Amino acid sequence: MAPSEEQQQHLADKQVSAEFTSYYLQRATQEFAEDLDKVRTADDFKADNALPMLISALQQGTAMFSPEEQRRIVTAEKKSSS
């Protein structure tokens, strides 16, 4: 039984969201590299629990972008890298 068009769109949306999150995190870590290093080397930074929290906080920035914006950015990024 083939997936419905709605199921295929949902999968495509999830893929776009995952690709956008990856792109966003790469850009954010490049842009904030010095600040992230300062946080990472701070005396009170505990990698066990602080690192997942830091990653989660960075990922929250993706919520600022609508699914349409995410799709546009992912599509543009794929075109520029090919």
PDB file of N, CA and C in Angstrom:
ATOM      1  N   MET A   1       0.837  -1.170   0.000  1.00  0.00           N
ATOM      2  CA  MET A   1       0.000   0.000   0.000  1.00  0.00           C
ATOM      3  C   MET A   1       0.890   1.245   0.000  1.00  0.00           C
ATOM      4  N   ALA A   2       0.738   2.089  -0.966  1.00  0.00           N
ATOM      5  CA  ALA A   2       1.554   3.291  -1.109  1.00  0.00           C
ATOM      6  C   ALA A   2       1.086   4.361  -0.125  1.00  0.00           C
ATOM      7  N   PRO A   3       2.044   5.153   0.378  1.00  0.00           N
ATOM      8  CA  PRO A   3       1.654   6.225   1.298  1.00  0.00           C
ATOM      9  C   PRO A   3       0.787   7.257   0.580  1.00  0.00           C
ATOM     10  N   SER A   4      -0.133   7.839   1.318  1.00  0.00           N
ATOM     11  CA  SER A   4      -0.996   8.861   0.739  1.00  0.00           C
ATOM     12  C   SER A   4      -0.178  10.117   0.449  1.00  0.00           C
ATOM     13  N   GLU A   5      -0.756  10.992  -0.348  1.00  0.00           N
ATOM     14  CA  GLU A   5      -0.071  12.254  -0.665  1.00  0.00           C
ATOM     15  C   GLU A   5       0.188  13.057   0.610  1.00  0.00           C
ATOM     16  N   GLU A   6      -0.767  13.019   1.524  1.00  0.00           N
ATOM     17  CA  GLU A   6      -0.612  13.739   2.794  1.00  0.00           C
ATOM     18  C   GLU A   6       0.545  13.160   3.597  1.00  0.00           C
ATOM     19  N   GLN A   7       0.667  11.823   3.633  1.00  0.00           N
ATOM     20  CA  GLN A   7       1.774  11.185   4.351  1.00  0.00           C
ATOM     21  C   GLN A   7       3.112  11.531   3.701  1.00  0.00           C
ATOM     22  N   GLN A   8       3.149  11.548   2.383  1.00  0.00           N
ATOM     23  CA  GLN A   8       4.374  11.897   1.676  1.00  0.00           C
ATOM     24  C   GLN A   8       4.767  13.342   1.972  1.00  0.00           C
ATOM     25  N   GLN A   9       3.787  14.251   1.997  1.00  0.00           N
ATOM     26  CA  GLN A   9       4.068  15.654   2.300  1.00  0.00           C
ATOM     27  C   GLN A   9       4.582  15.799   3.719  1.00  0.00           C
ATOM     28  N   HIS A  10       3.986  15.037   4.653  1.00  0.00           N
ATOM     29  CA  HIS A  10       4.426  15.087   6.044  1.00  0.00           C
ATOM     30  C   HIS A  10       5.873  14.631   6.163  1.00  0.00           C
ATOM     31  N   LEU A  11       6.213  13.543   5.463  1.00  0.00           N
ATOM     32  CA  LEU A  11       7.597  13.068   5.473  1.00  0.00           C
ATOM     33  C   LEU A  11       8.519  14.113   4.868  1.00  0.00           C
ATOM     34  N   ALA A  12       8.094  14.721   3.778  1.00  0.00           N
ATOM     35  CA  ALA A  12       8.909  15.753   3.138  1.00  0.00           C
ATOM     36  C   ALA A  12       9.086  16.937   4.081  1.00  0.00           C
ATOM     37  N   ASP A  13       8.026  17.328   4.782  1.00  0.00           N
ATOM     38  CA  ASP A  13       8.116  18.427   5.742  1.00  0.00           C
ATOM     39  C   ASP A  13       9.085  18.095   6.868  1.00  0.00           C
ATOM     40  N   LYS A  14       9.034  16.853   7.357  1.00  0.00           N
ATOM     41  CA  LYS A  14       9.949  16.439   8.422  1.00  0.00           C
ATOM     42  C   LYS A  14      11.394  16.462   7.930  1.00  0.00           C
ATOM     43  N   GLN A  15      11.614  16.055   6.677  1.00  0.00           N
ATOM     44  CA  GLN A  15      12.958  16.070   6.110  1.00  0.00           C
ATOM     45  C   GLN A  15      13.457  17.510   5.972  1.00  0.00           C
ATOM     46  N   VAL A  16      12.602  18.397   5.478  1.00  0.00           N
ATOM     47  CA  VAL A  16      12.974  19.809   5.351  1.00  0.00           C
ATOM     48  C   VAL A  16      13.305  20.381   6.720  1.00  0.00           C
ATOM     49  N   SER A  17      12.483  20.068   7.713  1.00  0.00           N
ATOM     50  CA  SER A  17      12.710  20.563   9.070  1.00  0.00           C
ATOM     51  C   SER A  17      14.054  20.068   9.617  1.00  0.00           C
ATOM     52  N   ALA A  18      14.359  18.802   9.408  1.00  0.00           N
ATOM     53  CA  ALA A  18      15.633  18.244   9.881  1.00  0.00           C
ATOM     54  C   ALA A  18      16.814  18.886   9.161  1.00  0.00           C
ATOM     55  N   GLU A  19      16.697  19.071   7.858  1.00  0.00           N
ATOM     56  CA  GLU A  19      17.775  19.692   7.090  1.00  0.00           C
ATOM     57  C   GLU A  19      17.951  21.154   7.498  1.00  0.00           C
ATOM     58  N   PHE A  20      16.835  21.845   7.742  1.00  0.00           N
ATOM     59  CA  PHE A  20      16.926  23.237   8.164  1.00  0.00           C
ATOM     60  C   PHE A  20      17.579  23.343   9.532  1.00  0.00           C
ATOM     61  N   THR A  21      17.189  22.466  10.458  1.00  0.00           N
ATOM     62  CA  THR A  21      17.784  22.489  11.794  1.00  0.00           C
ATOM     63  C   THR A  21      19.290  22.283  11.715  1.00  0.00           C
ATOM     64  N   SER A  22      19.724  21.348  10.892  1.00  0.00           N
ATOM     65  CA  SER A  22      21.155  21.112  10.710  1.00  0.00           C
ATOM     66  C   SER A  22      21.845  22.349  10.151  1.00  0.00           C
ATOM     67  N   TYR A  23      21.265  22.937   9.120  1.00  0.00           N
ATOM     68  CA  TYR A  23      21.820  24.148   8.504  1.00  0.00           C
ATOM     69  C   TYR A  23      21.868  25.282   9.527  1.00  0.00           C
ATOM     70  N   TYR A  24      20.775  25.474  10.257  1.00  0.00           N
ATOM     71  CA  TYR A  24      20.683  26.557  11.233  1.00  0.00           C
ATOM     72  C   TYR A  24      21.750  26.401  12.320  1.00  0.00           C
ATOM     73  N   LEU A  25      21.912  25.181  12.833  1.00  0.00           N
ATOM     74  CA  LEU A  25      22.898  24.952  13.879  1.00  0.00           C
ATOM     75  C   LEU A  25      24.317  25.179  13.371  1.00  0.00           C
ATOM     76  N   GLN A  26      24.589  24.780  12.142  1.00  0.00           N
ATOM     77  CA  GLN A  26      25.911  25.027  11.566  1.00  0.00           C
ATOM     78  C   GLN A  26      26.192  26.520  11.482  1.00  0.00           C
ATOM     79  N   ARG A  27      25.219  27.270  10.976  1.00  0.00           N
ATOM     80  CA  ARG A  27      25.381  28.721  10.844  1.00  0.00           C
ATOM     81  C   ARG A  27      25.508  29.392  12.208  1.00  0.00           C
ATOM     82  N   ALA A  28      24.669  28.983  13.163  1.00  0.00           N
ATOM     83  CA  ALA A  28      24.697  29.591  14.500  1.00  0.00           C
ATOM     84  C   ALA A  28      26.031  29.331  15.186  1.00  0.00           C
ATOM     85  N   THR A  29      26.535  28.114  15.069  1.00  0.00           N
ATOM     86  CA  THR A  29      27.809  27.810  15.727  1.00  0.00           C
ATOM     87  C   THR A  29      28.970  28.525  15.057  1.00  0.00           C
ATOM     88  N   GLN A  30      28.880  28.744  13.757  1.00  0.00           N
ATOM     89  CA  GLN A  30      29.917  29.538  13.080  1.00  0.00           C
ATOM     90  C   GLN A  30      29.848  30.993  13.522  1.00  0.00           C
ATOM     91  N   GLU A  31      28.652  31.535  13.537  1.00  0.00           N
ATOM     92  CA  GLU A  31      28.450  32.946  13.869  1.00  0.00           C
ATOM     93  C   GLU A  31      28.806  33.251  15.319  1.00  0.00           C
ATOM     94  N   PHE A  32      28.482  32.339  16.213  1.00  0.00           N
ATOM     95  CA  PHE A  32      28.697  32.569  17.638  1.00  0.00           C
ATOM     96  C   PHE A  32      29.853  31.744  18.197  1.00  0.00           C
ATOM     97  N   ALA A  33      30.802  31.385  17.361  1.00  0.00           N
ATOM     98  CA  ALA A  33      31.897  30.494  17.764  1.00  0.00           C
ATOM     99  C   ALA A  33      32.649  31.014  18.985  1.00  0.00           C
ATOM    100  N   GLU A  34      33.012  32.282  18.993  1.00  0.00           N
ATOM    101  CA  GLU A  34      33.773  32.836  20.117  1.00  0.00           C
ATOM    102  C   GLU A  34      32.951  32.816  21.403  1.00  0.00           C
ATOM    103  N   ASP A  35      31.695  33.206  21.297  1.00  0.00           N
ATOM    104  CA  ASP A  35      30.826  33.205  22.482  1.00  0.00           C
ATOM    105  C   ASP A  35      30.606  31.788  23.002  1.00  0.00           C
ATOM    106  N   LEU A  36      30.408  30.846  22.095  1.00  0.00           N
ATOM    107  CA  LEU A  36      30.207  29.455  22.513  1.00  0.00           C
ATOM    108  C   LEU A  36      31.458  28.897  23.177  1.00  0.00           C
ATOM    109  N   ASP A  37      32.632  29.272  22.687  1.00  0.00           N
ATOM    110  CA  ASP A  37      33.870  28.836  23.328  1.00  0.00           C
ATOM    111  C   ASP A  37      33.975  29.389  24.745  1.00  0.00           C
ATOM    112  N   LYS A  38      33.569  30.638  24.933  1.00  0.00           N
ATOM    113  CA  LYS A  38      33.606  31.235  26.274  1.00  0.00           C
ATOM    114  C   LYS A  38      32.667  30.491  27.215  1.00  0.00           C
ATOM    115  N   VAL A  39      31.491  30.158  26.733  1.00  0.00           N
ATOM    116  CA  VAL A  39      30.542  29.410  27.557  1.00  0.00           C
ATOM    117  C   VAL A  39      31.098  28.028  27.869  1.00  0.00           C
ATOM    118  N   ARG A  40      31.636  27.377  26.843  1.00  0.00           N
ATOM    119  CA  ARG A  40      32.147  26.006  27.002  1.00  0.00           C
ATOM    120  C   ARG A  40      33.312  25.935  27.979  1.00  0.00           C
ATOM    121  N   THR A  41      34.138  26.976  28.023  1.00  0.00           N
ATOM    122  CA  THR A  41      35.318  26.958  28.896  1.00  0.00           C
ATOM    123  C   THR A  41      35.063  27.612  30.250  1.00  0.00           C
ATOM    124  N   ALA A  42      33.854  28.047  30.498  1.00  0.00           N
ATOM    125  CA  ALA A  42      33.524  28.649  31.797  1.00  0.00           C
ATOM    126  C   ALA A  42      33.639  27.604  32.900  1.00  0.00           C
ATOM    127  N   ASP A  43      34.009  28.069  34.078  1.00  0.00           N
ATOM    128  CA  ASP A  43      34.202  27.165  35.217  1.00  0.00           C
ATOM    129  C   ASP A  43      32.940  26.395  35.584  1.00  0.00           C
ATOM    130  N   ASP A  44      31.790  27.016  35.408  1.00  0.00           N
ATOM    131  CA  ASP A  44      30.552  26.358  35.817  1.00  0.00           C
ATOM    132  C   ASP A  44      29.874  25.564  34.697  1.00  0.00           C
ATOM    133  N   PHE A  45      30.550  25.404  33.565  1.00  0.00           N
ATOM    134  CA  PHE A  45      29.991  24.631  32.446  1.00  0.00           C
ATOM    135  C   PHE A  45      30.284  23.154  32.682  1.00  0.00           C
ATOM    136  N   LYS A  46      29.254  22.383  32.840  1.00  0.00           N
ATOM    137  CA  LYS A  46      29.372  20.939  33.049  1.00  0.00           C
ATOM    138  C   LYS A  46      28.877  20.235  31.792  1.00  0.00           C
ATOM    139  N   ALA A  47      29.782  19.636  31.050  1.00  0.00           N
ATOM    140  CA  ALA A  47      29.451  19.043  29.744  1.00  0.00           C
ATOM    141  C   ALA A  47      28.344  17.990  29.840  1.00  0.00           C
ATOM    142  N   ASP A  48      28.260  17.291  30.956  1.00  0.00           N
ATOM    143  CA  ASP A  48      27.262  16.218  31.090  1.00  0.00           C
ATOM    144  C   ASP A  48      25.839  16.707  30.849  1.00  0.00           C
ATOM    145  N   ASN A  49      25.494  17.826  31.482  1.00  0.00           N
ATOM    146  CA  ASN A  49      24.121  18.303  31.351  1.00  0.00           C
ATOM    147  C   ASN A  49      24.014  19.647  30.634  1.00  0.00           C
ATOM    148  N   ALA A  50      25.068  20.427  30.627  1.00  0.00           N
ATOM    149  CA  ALA A  50      25.007  21.757  30.016  1.00  0.00           C
ATOM    150  C   ALA A  50      25.054  21.688  28.493  1.00  0.00           C
ATOM    151  N   LEU A  51      25.799  20.753  27.952  1.00  0.00           N
ATOM    152  CA  LEU A  51      25.916  20.663  26.494  1.00  0.00           C
ATOM    153  C   LEU A  51      24.572  20.345  25.833  1.00  0.00           C
ATOM    154  N   PRO A  52      23.842  19.332  26.301  1.00  0.00           N
ATOM    155  CA  PRO A  52      22.520  19.093  25.703  1.00  0.00           C
ATOM    156  C   PRO A  52      21.584  20.305  25.858  1.00  0.00           C
ATOM    157  N   MET A  53      21.683  20.999  26.990  1.00  0.00           N
ATOM    158  CA  MET A  53      20.848  22.175  27.197  1.00  0.00           C
ATOM    159  C   MET A  53      21.239  23.293  26.232  1.00  0.00           C
ATOM    160  N   LEU A  54      22.526  23.465  25.994  1.00  0.00           N
ATOM    161  CA  LEU A  54      23.004  24.477  25.056  1.00  0.00           C
ATOM    162  C   LEU A  54      22.540  24.165  23.628  1.00  0.00           C
ATOM    163  N   ILE A  55      22.650  22.911  23.239  1.00  0.00           N
ATOM    164  CA  ILE A  55      22.191  22.488  21.904  1.00  0.00           C
ATOM    165  C   ILE A  55      20.691  22.736  21.766  1.00  0.00           C
ATOM    166  N   SER A  56      19.939  22.367  22.787  1.00  0.00           N
ATOM    167  CA  SER A  56      18.492  22.577  22.757  1.00  0.00           C
ATOM    168  C   SER A  56      18.156  24.060  22.655  1.00  0.00           C
ATOM    169  N   ALA A  57      18.880  24.883  23.384  1.00  0.00           N
ATOM    170  CA  ALA A  57      18.638  26.334  23.332  1.00  0.00           C
ATOM    171  C   ALA A  57      18.920  26.874  21.935  1.00  0.00           C
ATOM    172  N   LEU A  58      19.986  26.413  21.311  1.00  0.00           N
ATOM    173  CA  LEU A  58      20.293  26.854  19.949  1.00  0.00           C
ATOM    174  C   LEU A  58      19.212  26.392  18.974  1.00  0.00           C
ATOM    175  N   GLN A  59      18.720  25.176  19.148  1.00  0.00           N
ATOM    176  CA  GLN A  59      17.683  24.645  18.261  1.00  0.00           C
ATOM    177  C   GLN A  59      16.383  25.434  18.369  1.00  0.00           C
ATOM    178  N   GLN A  60      16.146  26.053  19.511  1.00  0.00           N
ATOM    179  CA  GLN A  60      14.917  26.825  19.690  1.00  0.00           C
ATOM    180  C   GLN A  60      14.820  27.964  18.677  1.00  0.00           C
ATOM    181  N   GLY A  61      15.958  28.417  18.174  1.00  0.00           N
ATOM    182  CA  GLY A  61      15.959  29.488  17.181  1.00  0.00           C
ATOM    183  C   GLY A  61      15.273  29.110  15.887  1.00  0.00           C
ATOM    184  N   THR A  62      15.161  27.819  15.607  1.00  0.00           N
ATOM    185  CA  THR A  62      14.501  27.402  14.370  1.00  0.00           C
ATOM    186  C   THR A  62      13.011  27.707  14.403  1.00  0.00           C
ATOM    187  N   ALA A  63      12.449  27.874  15.593  1.00  0.00           N
ATOM    188  CA  ALA A  63      11.012  28.149  15.722  1.00  0.00           C
ATOM    189  C   ALA A  63      10.640  29.519  15.166  1.00  0.00           C
ATOM    190  N   MET A  64      11.630  30.369  14.944  1.00  0.00           N
ATOM    191  CA  MET A  64      11.362  31.701  14.386  1.00  0.00           C
ATOM    192  C   MET A  64      11.004  31.637  12.905  1.00  0.00           C
ATOM    193  N   PHE A  65      11.267  30.508  12.281  1.00  0.00           N
ATOM    194  CA  PHE A  65      11.073  30.373  10.845  1.00  0.00           C
ATOM    195  C   PHE A  65       9.864  29.492  10.544  1.00  0.00           C
ATOM    196  N   SER A  66       9.007  29.965   9.673  1.00  0.00           N
ATOM    197  CA  SER A  66       7.836  29.189   9.271  1.00  0.00           C
ATOM    198  C   SER A  66       8.285  28.010   8.415  1.00  0.00           C
ATOM    199  N   PRO A  67       7.437  26.999   8.272  1.00  0.00           N
ATOM    200  CA  PRO A  67       7.782  25.879   7.387  1.00  0.00           C
ATOM    201  C   PRO A  67       8.096  26.332   5.958  1.00  0.00           C
ATOM    202  N   GLU A  68       7.398  27.342   5.489  1.00  0.00           N
ATOM    203  CA  GLU A  68       7.656  27.851   4.133  1.00  0.00           C
ATOM    204  C   GLU A  68       9.040  28.496   4.047  1.00  0.00           C
ATOM    205  N   GLU A  69       9.418  29.261   5.085  1.00  0.00           N
ATOM    206  CA  GLU A  69      10.746  29.877   5.103  1.00  0.00           C
ATOM    207  C   GLU A  69      11.834  28.805   5.190  1.00  0.00           C
ATOM    208  N   GLN A  70      11.587  27.799   6.007  1.00  0.00           N
ATOM    209  CA  GLN A  70      12.559  26.712   6.129  1.00  0.00           C
ATOM    210  C   GLN A  70      12.758  26.025   4.782  1.00  0.00           C
ATOM    211  N   ARG A  71      11.655  25.741   4.091  1.00  0.00           N
ATOM    212  CA  ARG A  71      11.725  25.083   2.786  1.00  0.00           C
ATOM    213  C   ARG A  71      12.496  25.966   1.787  1.00  0.00           C
ATOM    214  N   ARG A  72      12.217  27.256   1.802  1.00  0.00           N
ATOM    215  CA  ARG A  72      12.886  28.179   0.881  1.00  0.00           C
ATOM    216  C   ARG A  72      14.393  28.201   1.146  1.00  0.00           C
ATOM    217  N   ILE A  73      14.780  28.245   2.413  1.00  0.00           N
ATOM    218  CA  ILE A  73      16.193  28.297   2.766  1.00  0.00           C
ATOM    219  C   ILE A  73      16.893  26.990   2.416  1.00  0.00           C
ATOM    220  N   VAL A  74      16.264  25.864   2.725  1.00  0.00           N
ATOM    221  CA  VAL A  74      16.856  24.561   2.400  1.00  0.00           C
ATOM    222  C   VAL A  74      17.009  24.413   0.884  1.00  0.00           C
ATOM    223  N   THR A  75      15.982  24.799   0.156  1.00  0.00           N
ATOM    224  CA  THR A  75      16.036  24.706  -1.323  1.00  0.00           C
ATOM    225  C   THR A  75      17.142  25.594  -1.875  1.00  0.00           C
ATOM    226  N   ALA A  76      17.238  26.823  -1.372  1.00  0.00           N
ATOM    227  CA  ALA A  76      18.274  27.738  -1.842  1.00  0.00           C
ATOM    228  C   ALA A  76      19.666  27.212  -1.497  1.00  0.00           C
ATOM    229  N   GLU A  77      19.813  26.642  -0.324  1.00  0.00           N
ATOM    230  CA  GLU A  77      21.107  26.095   0.094  1.00  0.00           C
ATOM    231  C   GLU A  77      21.513  24.922  -0.796  1.00  0.00           C
ATOM    232  N   LYS A  78      20.549  24.062  -1.133  1.00  0.00           N
ATOM    233  CA  LYS A  78      20.859  22.930  -2.014  1.00  0.00           C
ATOM    234  C   LYS A  78      21.283  23.421  -3.395  1.00  0.00           C
ATOM    235  N   LYS A  79      20.619  24.457  -3.899  1.00  0.00           N
ATOM    236  CA  LYS A  79      20.981  25.001  -5.220  1.00  0.00           C
ATOM    237  C   LYS A  79      22.371  25.614  -5.196  1.00  0.00           C
ATOM    238  N   SER A  80      22.711  26.317  -4.121  1.00  0.00           N
ATOM    239  CA  SER A  80      24.010  26.980  -4.052  1.00  0.00           C
ATOM    240  C   SER A  80      25.161  26.000  -3.849  1.00  0.00           C
ATOM    241  N   SER A  81      24.877  24.840  -3.267  1.00  0.00           N
ATOM    242  CA  SER A  81      25.934  23.872  -3.026  1.00  0.00           C
ATOM    243  C   SER A  81      26.107  22.872  -4.174  1.00  0.00           C
ATOM    244  N   SER A  82      25.236  22.956  -5.185  1.00  0.00           N
ATOM    245  CA  SER A  82      25.385  22.004  -6.296  1.00  0.00           C
ATOM    246  C   SER A  82      26.078  22.622  -7.472  1.00  0.00           C
TER     247      SER A  82
END
